[in-house]
Amino acid sequence: APLNAKRLNRNVPCAQSGVCTYCDAADCICN
């Protein structure tokens, strides 16, 4: 998930940190 989020330029915490935070971001790819 973090690698895909980063590759897709998603505005989610894991794209920067590389670790899932179970975020509620609108751009989340883990729905």
PDB file of all heavy atoms in Angstrom:
ATOM      1  N   ALA A   1       0.816  -1.224   0.000  1.00  0.00           N
ATOM      2  CA  ALA A   1       0.000   0.000   0.000  1.00  0.00           C
ATOM      3  C   ALA A   1       0.851   1.278   0.000  1.00  0.00           C
ATOM      4  O   ALA A   1       0.608   2.173  -0.827  1.00  0.00           O
ATOM      5  CB  ALA A   1      -0.983  -0.015   1.161  1.00  0.00           C
ATOM      6  N   PRO A   2       1.843   1.424   0.870  1.00  0.00           N
ATOM      7  CA  PRO A   2       2.652   2.650   0.822  1.00  0.00           C
ATOM      8  C   PRO A   2       3.379   2.846  -0.510  1.00  0.00           C
ATOM      9  O   PRO A   2       3.450   3.962  -1.025  1.00  0.00           O
ATOM     10  CB  PRO A   2       3.645   2.473   1.975  1.00  0.00           C
ATOM     11  CG  PRO A   2       2.958   1.563   2.933  1.00  0.00           C
ATOM     12  CD  PRO A   2       2.184   0.611   2.061  1.00  0.00           C
ATOM     13  N   LEU A   3       3.917   1.752  -1.069  1.00  0.00           N
ATOM     14  CA  LEU A   3       4.606   1.882  -2.358  1.00  0.00           C
ATOM     15  C   LEU A   3       3.645   2.292  -3.470  1.00  0.00           C
ATOM     16  O   LEU A   3       3.968   3.123  -4.319  1.00  0.00           O
ATOM     17  CB  LEU A   3       5.309   0.570  -2.718  1.00  0.00           C
ATOM     18  CG  LEU A   3       6.544   0.234  -1.882  1.00  0.00           C
ATOM     19  CD1 LEU A   3       7.035  -1.172  -2.200  1.00  0.00           C
ATOM     20  CD2 LEU A   3       7.652   1.258  -2.102  1.00  0.00           C
ATOM     21  N   ASN A   4       2.437   1.714  -3.465  1.00  0.00           N
ATOM     22  CA  ASN A   4       1.440   2.104  -4.467  1.00  0.00           C
ATOM     23  C   ASN A   4       0.979   3.540  -4.257  1.00  0.00           C
ATOM     24  O   ASN A   4       0.817   4.301  -5.216  1.00  0.00           O
ATOM     25  CB  ASN A   4       0.244   1.146  -4.445  1.00  0.00           C
ATOM     26  CG  ASN A   4       0.498  -0.102  -5.251  1.00  0.00           C
ATOM     27  OD1 ASN A   4       1.070  -0.053  -6.336  1.00  0.00           O
ATOM     28  ND2 ASN A   4       0.077  -1.244  -4.726  1.00  0.00           N
ATOM     29  N   ALA A   5       0.764   3.932  -3.008  1.00  0.00           N
ATOM     30  CA  ALA A   5       0.335   5.305  -2.719  1.00  0.00           C
ATOM     31  C   ALA A   5       1.380   6.312  -3.181  1.00  0.00           C
ATOM     32  O   ALA A   5       1.053   7.345  -3.777  1.00  0.00           O
ATOM     33  CB  ALA A   5       0.053   5.464  -1.228  1.00  0.00           C
ATOM     34  N   LYS A   6       2.648   5.991  -2.935  1.00  0.00           N
ATOM     35  CA  LYS A   6       3.729   6.883  -3.361  1.00  0.00           C
ATOM     36  C   LYS A   6       3.799   6.955  -4.882  1.00  0.00           C
ATOM     37  O   LYS A   6       3.926   8.033  -5.463  1.00  0.00           O
ATOM     38  CB  LYS A   6       5.054   6.391  -2.788  1.00  0.00           C
ATOM     39  CG  LYS A   6       6.217   7.313  -3.077  1.00  0.00           C
ATOM     40  CD  LYS A   6       7.463   6.859  -2.358  1.00  0.00           C
ATOM     41  CE  LYS A   6       8.577   7.865  -2.581  1.00  0.00           C
ATOM     42  NZ  LYS A   6       9.767   7.521  -1.806  1.00  0.00           N
ATOM     43  N   ARG A   7       3.707   5.797  -5.544  1.00  0.00           N
ATOM     44  CA  ARG A   7       3.787   5.755  -7.003  1.00  0.00           C
ATOM     45  C   ARG A   7       2.636   6.509  -7.656  1.00  0.00           C
ATOM     46  O   ARG A   7       2.779   7.114  -8.713  1.00  0.00           O
ATOM     47  CB  ARG A   7       3.784   4.284  -7.458  1.00  0.00           C
ATOM     48  CG  ARG A   7       4.063   4.079  -8.900  1.00  0.00           C
ATOM     49  CD  ARG A   7       4.219   2.607  -9.210  1.00  0.00           C
ATOM     50  NE  ARG A   7       3.109   1.818  -8.741  1.00  0.00           N
ATOM     51  CZ  ARG A   7       1.930   1.770  -9.338  1.00  0.00           C
ATOM     52  NH1 ARG A   7       1.713   2.463 -10.421  1.00  0.00           N
ATOM     53  NH2 ARG A   7       0.967   1.027  -8.855  1.00  0.00           N
ATOM     54  N   LEU A   8       1.479   6.473  -7.002  1.00  0.00           N
ATOM     55  CA  LEU A   8       0.291   7.136  -7.540  1.00  0.00           C
ATOM     56  C   LEU A   8       0.163   8.593  -7.091  1.00  0.00           C
ATOM     57  O   LEU A   8      -0.839   9.252  -7.381  1.00  0.00           O
ATOM     58  CB  LEU A   8      -0.964   6.353  -7.115  1.00  0.00           C
ATOM     59  CG  LEU A   8      -1.063   4.945  -7.681  1.00  0.00           C
ATOM     60  CD1 LEU A   8      -2.177   4.168  -6.989  1.00  0.00           C
ATOM     61  CD2 LEU A   8      -1.280   4.981  -9.184  1.00  0.00           C
ATOM     62  N   ASN A   9       1.165   9.082  -6.367  1.00  0.00           N
ATOM     63  CA  ASN A   9       1.159  10.459  -5.864  1.00  0.00           C
ATOM     64  C   ASN A   9      -0.064  10.764  -5.010  1.00  0.00           C
ATOM     65  O   ASN A   9      -0.651  11.844  -5.116  1.00  0.00           O
ATOM     66  CB  ASN A   9       1.267  11.466  -7.026  1.00  0.00           C
ATOM     67  CG  ASN A   9       2.566  11.327  -7.767  1.00  0.00           C
ATOM     68  OD1 ASN A   9       3.626  11.237  -7.153  1.00  0.00           O
ATOM     69  ND2 ASN A   9       2.496  11.292  -9.083  1.00  0.00           N
ATOM     70  N   ARG A  10      -0.442   9.811  -4.171  1.00  0.00           N
ATOM     71  CA  ARG A  10      -1.592  10.021  -3.292  1.00  0.00           C
ATOM     72  C   ARG A  10      -1.191  10.829  -2.069  1.00  0.00           C
ATOM     73  O   ARG A  10      -0.104  10.658  -1.528  1.00  0.00           O
ATOM     74  CB  ARG A  10      -2.188   8.683  -2.855  1.00  0.00           C
ATOM     75  CG  ARG A  10      -2.804   7.882  -3.982  1.00  0.00           C
ATOM     76  CD  ARG A  10      -3.917   8.677  -4.671  1.00  0.00           C
ATOM     77  NE  ARG A  10      -4.516   7.943  -5.752  1.00  0.00           N
ATOM     78  CZ  ARG A  10      -5.641   7.256  -5.656  1.00  0.00           C
ATOM     79  NH1 ARG A  10      -6.288   7.217  -4.515  1.00  0.00           N
ATOM     80  NH2 ARG A  10      -6.100   6.619  -6.700  1.00  0.00           N
ATOM     81  N   ASN A  11      -2.079  11.696  -1.649  1.00  0.00           N
ATOM     82  CA  ASN A  11      -1.851  12.543  -0.485  1.00  0.00           C
ATOM     83  C   ASN A  11      -2.297  11.801   0.777  1.00  0.00           C
ATOM     84  O   ASN A  11      -3.362  12.062   1.330  1.00  0.00           O
ATOM     85  CB  ASN A  11      -2.598  13.870  -0.640  1.00  0.00           C
ATOM     86  CG  ASN A  11      -2.283  14.829   0.493  1.00  0.00           C
ATOM     87  OD1 ASN A  11      -1.284  14.685   1.179  1.00  0.00           O
ATOM     88  ND2 ASN A  11      -3.163  15.793   0.695  1.00  0.00           N
ATOM     89  N   VAL A  12      -1.485  10.833   1.164  1.00  0.00           N
ATOM     90  CA  VAL A  12      -1.773  10.013   2.346  1.00  0.00           C
ATOM     91  C   VAL A  12      -0.482   9.870   3.158  1.00  0.00           C
ATOM     92  O   VAL A  12       0.618   9.919   2.606  1.00  0.00           O
ATOM     93  CB  VAL A  12      -2.313   8.618   1.956  1.00  0.00           C
ATOM     94  CG1 VAL A  12      -3.709   8.722   1.359  1.00  0.00           C
ATOM     95  CG2 VAL A  12      -1.388   7.925   0.967  1.00  0.00           C
ATOM     96  N   PRO A  13      -0.600   9.700   4.481  1.00  0.00           N
ATOM     97  CA  PRO A  13       0.605   9.626   5.319  1.00  0.00           C
ATOM     98  C   PRO A  13       1.587   8.528   4.909  1.00  0.00           C
ATOM     99  O   PRO A  13       2.803   8.748   4.936  1.00  0.00           O
ATOM    100  CB  PRO A  13       0.038   9.355   6.723  1.00  0.00           C
ATOM    101  CG  PRO A  13      -1.348   9.904   6.690  1.00  0.00           C
ATOM    102  CD  PRO A  13      -1.831   9.689   5.283  1.00  0.00           C
ATOM    103  N   CYS A  14       1.098   7.358   4.515  1.00  0.00           N
ATOM    104  CA  CYS A  14       2.017   6.251   4.217  1.00  0.00           C
ATOM    105  C   CYS A  14       2.880   6.518   2.991  1.00  0.00           C
ATOM    106  O   CYS A  14       3.956   5.940   2.852  1.00  0.00           O
ATOM    107  CB  CYS A  14       1.259   4.936   4.065  1.00  0.00           C
ATOM    108  SG  CYS A  14       0.271   4.792   2.553  1.00  0.00           S
ATOM    109  N   ALA A  15       2.433   7.390   2.096  1.00  0.00           N
ATOM    110  CA  ALA A  15       3.235   7.712   0.910  1.00  0.00           C
ATOM    111  C   ALA A  15       4.533   8.413   1.312  1.00  0.00           C
ATOM    112  O   ALA A  15       5.542   8.301   0.617  1.00  0.00           O
ATOM    113  CB  ALA A  15       2.442   8.583  -0.056  1.00  0.00           C
ATOM    114  N   GLN A  16       4.502   9.128   2.449  1.00  0.00           N
ATOM    115  CA  GLN A  16       5.704   9.789   2.937  1.00  0.00           C
ATOM    116  C   GLN A  16       6.477   8.920   3.936  1.00  0.00           C
ATOM    117  O   GLN A  16       7.688   8.802   3.866  1.00  0.00           O
ATOM    118  CB  GLN A  16       5.354  11.133   3.614  1.00  0.00           C
ATOM    119  CG  GLN A  16       5.078  12.270   2.655  1.00  0.00           C
ATOM    120  CD  GLN A  16       3.729  12.141   1.959  1.00  0.00           C
ATOM    121  OE1 GLN A  16       2.727  11.853   2.603  1.00  0.00           O
ATOM    122  NE2 GLN A  16       3.707  12.341   0.654  1.00  0.00           N
ATOM    123  N   SER A  17       5.744   8.277   4.849  1.00  0.00           N
ATOM    124  CA  SER A  17       6.404   7.543   5.940  1.00  0.00           C
ATOM    125  C   SER A  17       6.748   6.098   5.574  1.00  0.00           C
ATOM    126  O   SER A  17       7.639   5.510   6.176  1.00  0.00           O
ATOM    127  CB  SER A  17       5.496   7.536   7.172  1.00  0.00           C
ATOM    128  OG  SER A  17       4.361   6.700   6.952  1.00  0.00           O
ATOM    129  N   GLY A  18       6.010   5.528   4.625  1.00  0.00           N
ATOM    130  CA  GLY A  18       6.214   4.121   4.286  1.00  0.00           C
ATOM    131  C   GLY A  18       5.548   3.169   5.258  1.00  0.00           C
ATOM    132  O   GLY A  18       5.734   1.960   5.179  1.00  0.00           O
ATOM    133  N   VAL A  19       4.733   3.698   6.158  1.00  0.00           N
ATOM    134  CA  VAL A  19       4.061   2.874   7.165  1.00  0.00           C
ATOM    135  C   VAL A  19       2.580   3.234   7.211  1.00  0.00           C
ATOM    136  O   VAL A  19       2.217   4.417   7.235  1.00  0.00           O
ATOM    137  CB  VAL A  19       4.688   3.107   8.566  1.00  0.00           C
ATOM    138  CG1 VAL A  19       3.951   2.295   9.628  1.00  0.00           C
ATOM    139  CG2 VAL A  19       6.161   2.745   8.557  1.00  0.00           C
ATOM    140  N   CYS A  20       1.735   2.225   7.255  1.00  0.00           N
ATOM    141  CA  CYS A  20       0.290   2.457   7.331  1.00  0.00           C
ATOM    142  C   CYS A  20      -0.083   3.029   8.695  1.00  0.00           C
ATOM    143  O   CYS A  20       0.381   2.547   9.730  1.00  0.00           O
ATOM    144  CB  CYS A  20      -0.453   1.139   7.112  1.00  0.00           C
ATOM    145  SG  CYS A  20      -2.238   1.293   7.282  1.00  0.00           S
ATOM    146  N   THR A  21      -0.933   4.065   8.674  1.00  0.00           N
ATOM    147  CA  THR A  21      -1.433   4.653   9.914  1.00  0.00           C
ATOM    148  C   THR A  21      -2.947   4.458  10.054  1.00  0.00           C
ATOM    149  O   THR A  21      -3.560   5.065  10.907  1.00  0.00           O
ATOM    150  CB  THR A  21      -1.124   6.162   9.958  1.00  0.00           C
ATOM    151  OG1 THR A  21      -1.782   6.800   8.853  1.00  0.00           O
ATOM    152  CG2 THR A  21       0.367   6.431   9.912  1.00  0.00           C
ATOM    153  N   TYR A  22      -3.499   3.601   9.198  1.00  0.00           N
ATOM    154  CA  TYR A  22      -4.961   3.421   9.155  1.00  0.00           C
ATOM    155  C   TYR A  22      -5.642   4.782   9.047  1.00  0.00           C
ATOM    156  O   TYR A  22      -6.540   5.113   9.806  1.00  0.00           O
ATOM    157  CB  TYR A  22      -5.469   2.648  10.372  1.00  0.00           C
ATOM    158  CG  TYR A  22      -5.121   1.178  10.315  1.00  0.00           C
ATOM    159  CD1 TYR A  22      -3.896   0.710  10.774  1.00  0.00           C
ATOM    160  CD2 TYR A  22      -6.006   0.260   9.775  1.00  0.00           C
ATOM    161  CE1 TYR A  22      -3.569  -0.640  10.710  1.00  0.00           C
ATOM    162  CE2 TYR A  22      -5.688  -1.088   9.699  1.00  0.00           C
ATOM    163  CZ  TYR A  22      -4.472  -1.532  10.172  1.00  0.00           C
ATOM    164  OH  TYR A  22      -4.152  -2.858  10.096  1.00  0.00           O
ATOM    165  N   CYS A  23      -5.172   5.564   8.069  1.00  0.00           N
ATOM    166  CA  CYS A  23      -5.645   6.937   7.925  1.00  0.00           C
ATOM    167  C   CYS A  23      -7.083   7.002   7.423  1.00  0.00           C
ATOM    168  O   CYS A  23      -7.637   6.024   6.925  1.00  0.00           O
ATOM    169  CB  CYS A  23      -4.731   7.708   6.969  1.00  0.00           C
ATOM    170  SG  CYS A  23      -4.919   7.234   5.222  1.00  0.00           S
ATOM    171  N   ASP A  24      -7.650   8.176   7.556  1.00  0.00           N
ATOM    172  CA  ASP A  24      -8.979   8.465   7.027  1.00  0.00           C
ATOM    173  C   ASP A  24      -8.894   9.492   5.901  1.00  0.00           C
ATOM    174  O   ASP A  24      -9.849  10.219   5.644  1.00  0.00           O
ATOM    175  CB  ASP A  24      -9.894   8.996   8.141  1.00  0.00           C
ATOM    176  CG  ASP A  24     -10.192   7.941   9.190  1.00  0.00           C
ATOM    177  OD1 ASP A  24     -10.372   6.767   8.801  1.00  0.00           O
ATOM    178  OD2 ASP A  24     -10.229   8.279  10.385  1.00  0.00           O
ATOM    179  N   ALA A  25      -7.761   9.552   5.236  1.00  0.00           N
ATOM    180  CA  ALA A  25      -7.551  10.544   4.179  1.00  0.00           C
ATOM    181  C   ALA A  25      -8.483  10.288   2.997  1.00  0.00           C
ATOM    182  O   ALA A  25      -8.797   9.138   2.660  1.00  0.00           O
ATOM    183  CB  ALA A  25      -6.098  10.492   3.711  1.00  0.00           C
ATOM    184  N   ALA A  26      -8.901  11.356   2.367  1.00  0.00           N
ATOM    185  CA  ALA A  26      -9.772  11.241   1.194  1.00  0.00           C
ATOM    186  C   ALA A  26      -9.086  10.488   0.057  1.00  0.00           C
ATOM    187  O   ALA A  26      -9.737   9.842  -0.761  1.00  0.00           O
ATOM    188  CB  ALA A  26     -10.194  12.630   0.728  1.00  0.00           C
ATOM    189  N   ASP A  27      -7.767  10.550   0.011  1.00  0.00           N
ATOM    190  CA  ASP A  27      -6.984   9.910  -1.040  1.00  0.00           C
ATOM    191  C   ASP A  27      -6.589   8.465  -0.701  1.00  0.00           C
ATOM    192  O   ASP A  27      -5.803   7.858  -1.422  1.00  0.00           O
ATOM    193  CB  ASP A  27      -5.702  10.722  -1.272  1.00  0.00           C
ATOM    194  CG  ASP A  27      -5.590  11.216  -2.703  1.00  0.00           C
ATOM    195  OD1 ASP A  27      -6.518  10.989  -3.486  1.00  0.00           O
ATOM    196  OD2 ASP A  27      -4.542  11.805  -3.026  1.00  0.00           O
ATOM    197  N   CYS A  28      -7.111   7.934   0.380  1.00  0.00           N
ATOM    198  CA  CYS A  28      -6.737   6.598   0.858  1.00  0.00           C
ATOM    199  C   CYS A  28      -6.977   5.533  -0.215  1.00  0.00           C
ATOM    200  O   CYS A  28      -8.006   5.535  -0.892  1.00  0.00           O
ATOM    201  CB  CYS A  28      -7.542   6.254   2.112  1.00  0.00           C
ATOM    202  SG  CYS A  28      -7.137   4.649   2.808  1.00  0.00           S
ATOM    203  N   ILE A  29      -5.999   4.644  -0.380  1.00  0.00           N
ATOM    204  CA  ILE A  29      -6.158   3.544  -1.335  1.00  0.00           C
ATOM    205  C   ILE A  29      -6.448   2.221  -0.616  1.00  0.00           C
ATOM    206  O   ILE A  29      -6.479   1.172  -1.235  1.00  0.00           O
ATOM    207  CB  ILE A  29      -4.922   3.387  -2.244  1.00  0.00           C
ATOM    208  CG1 ILE A  29      -3.682   2.981  -1.443  1.00  0.00           C
ATOM    209  CG2 ILE A  29      -4.677   4.643  -3.063  1.00  0.00           C
ATOM    210  CD1 ILE A  29      -2.516   2.553  -2.320  1.00  0.00           C
ATOM    211  N   CYS A  30      -6.687   2.291   0.694  1.00  0.00           N
ATOM    212  CA  CYS A  30      -6.941   1.087   1.494  1.00  0.00           C
ATOM    213  C   CYS A  30      -8.381   1.073   2.004  1.00  0.00           C
ATOM    214  O   CYS A  30      -8.632   0.967   3.203  1.00  0.00           O
ATOM    215  CB  CYS A  30      -5.975   1.020   2.672  1.00  0.00           C
ATOM    216  SG  CYS A  30      -4.251   0.950   2.188  1.00  0.00           S
ATOM    217  N   ASN A  31      -9.331   1.185   1.101  1.00  0.00           N
ATOM    218  CA  ASN A  31     -10.728   1.263   1.509  1.00  0.00           C
ATOM    219  C   ASN A  31     -11.380  -0.102   1.676  1.00  0.00           C
ATOM    220  O   ASN A  31     -12.365  -0.239   2.398  1.00  0.00           O
ATOM    221  CB  ASN A  31     -11.526   2.093   0.504  1.00  0.00           C
ATOM    222  CG  ASN A  31     -11.047   3.527   0.483  1.00  0.00           C
ATOM    223  OD1 ASN A  31     -10.675   4.072   1.512  1.00  0.00           O
ATOM    224  ND2 ASN A  31     -11.024   4.135  -0.682  1.00  0.00           N
TER     225      ASN A  31
END
